[in-house]
C-alpha cells in the first residue's frame, strides 16, 4: 500500500527543504502544503497540538510524525 505523505512547510525553511530532500532521495511521493501566512500557520499549529511551533510538520497516512527528526524516525521504522 502506498504511503500518503503530506509535508506542511513554509518558505525559507532549511528544515523543510531537508525533509523534502529526504523523501525525494527515498523516491517517496508526497504532497506539500505551504503555509507562509503567519496567522494561518498559528491556526495550523493549534490544530496539531500545544507543543507544535515549527515547520515542517509531516503526516504519514494522516498521522503526524512531527518535523525532520520525526520523519527520520518514521522512515527508519518503515524500513525495519
Protein backbone atom coordinates (compact mmCIF):
# COMPACT_ATOMS: atom_id res chain seq x y z
CA UNK A 1 0.00 0.00 0.00
CA UNK A 2 1.49 3.36 -0.98
CA UNK A 3 2.11 5.84 1.79
CA UNK A 4 0.14 9.08 1.85
CA UNK A 5 2.71 11.68 2.86
CA UNK A 6 1.95 15.36 3.35
CA UNK A 7 4.62 17.92 4.24
CA UNK A 8 3.38 21.18 5.72
CA UNK A 9 6.10 23.76 5.15
CA UNK A 10 6.91 27.42 4.75
CA UNK A 11 9.26 29.41 2.53
CA UNK A 12 12.90 29.96 3.56
CA UNK A 13 12.88 26.92 5.85
CA UNK A 14 16.06 24.79 5.76
CA UNK A 15 14.44 22.02 7.83
CA UNK A 16 11.53 21.90 5.38
CA UNK A 17 13.95 21.62 2.47
CA UNK A 18 15.83 18.82 4.25
CA UNK A 19 12.62 16.87 4.89
CA UNK A 20 11.56 17.16 1.23
CA UNK A 21 15.05 16.18 0.06
CA UNK A 22 14.99 13.13 2.30
CA UNK A 23 11.66 12.00 0.85
CA UNK A 24 12.88 12.61 -2.71
CA UNK A 25 16.09 10.64 -2.03
CA UNK A 26 13.92 7.67 -0.99
CA UNK A 27 11.70 8.08 -4.08
CA UNK A 28 8.69 8.66 -1.83
CA UNK A 29 5.90 10.73 -3.33
CA UNK A 30 4.49 13.49 -1.14
CA UNK A 31 2.20 16.47 -1.28
CA UNK A 32 3.42 19.79 0.02
CA UNK A 33 1.21 22.39 1.66
CA UNK A 34 2.98 25.73 2.12
CA UNK A 35 1.69 27.93 4.91
CA UNK A 36 3.53 31.24 4.62
CA UNK A 37 0.88 33.38 6.29
CA UNK A 38 1.70 33.62 10.00
CA UNK A 39 -1.92 33.68 11.18
CA UNK A 40 -2.69 30.56 9.11
CA UNK A 41 0.43 28.88 10.46
CA UNK A 42 -0.52 29.63 14.07
CA UNK A 43 -4.00 28.21 13.45
CA UNK A 44 -2.40 25.09 11.93
CA UNK A 45 -0.11 24.71 14.96
CA UNK A 46 -3.12 24.97 17.27
CA UNK A 47 -4.82 22.09 15.41
CA UNK A 48 -1.67 19.95 15.73
CA UNK A 49 -1.30 20.33 19.47
CA UNK A 50 0.18 22.58 22.15
CA UNK A 51 3.79 21.51 21.60
CA UNK A 52 3.82 22.22 17.84
CA UNK A 53 5.55 25.50 16.98
CA UNK A 54 7.76 24.83 13.97
CA UNK A 55 7.81 23.72 10.39
CA UNK A 56 7.91 21.31 8.73
CA UNK A 57 5.15 19.11 10.06
CA UNK A 58 4.96 15.77 8.30
CA UNK A 59 1.95 13.48 8.21
CA UNK A 60 2.12 9.86 7.03
CA UNK A 61 -1.25 8.20 6.41
CA UNK A 62 -2.95 11.08 8.29
CA UNK A 63 -0.78 10.60 11.41
CA UNK A 64 1.54 13.43 12.44
CA UNK A 65 5.11 12.21 12.76
CA UNK A 66 6.46 15.68 13.53
CA UNK A 67 9.34 17.54 11.95
CA UNK A 68 12.54 16.31 10.35
CA UNK A 69 13.63 14.10 13.31
CA UNK A 70 10.17 12.54 13.46
CA UNK A 71 10.24 11.87 9.74
CA UNK A 72 13.67 10.25 10.01
CA UNK A 73 12.46 8.02 12.85
CA UNK A 74 9.26 7.08 10.99
CA UNK A 75 11.17 6.16 7.84
CA UNK A 76 13.61 4.06 9.89
CA UNK A 77 10.66 2.15 11.38
CA UNK A 78 9.10 1.61 7.95
CA UNK A 79 12.36 0.11 6.68
CA UNK A 80 12.76 -2.18 9.71
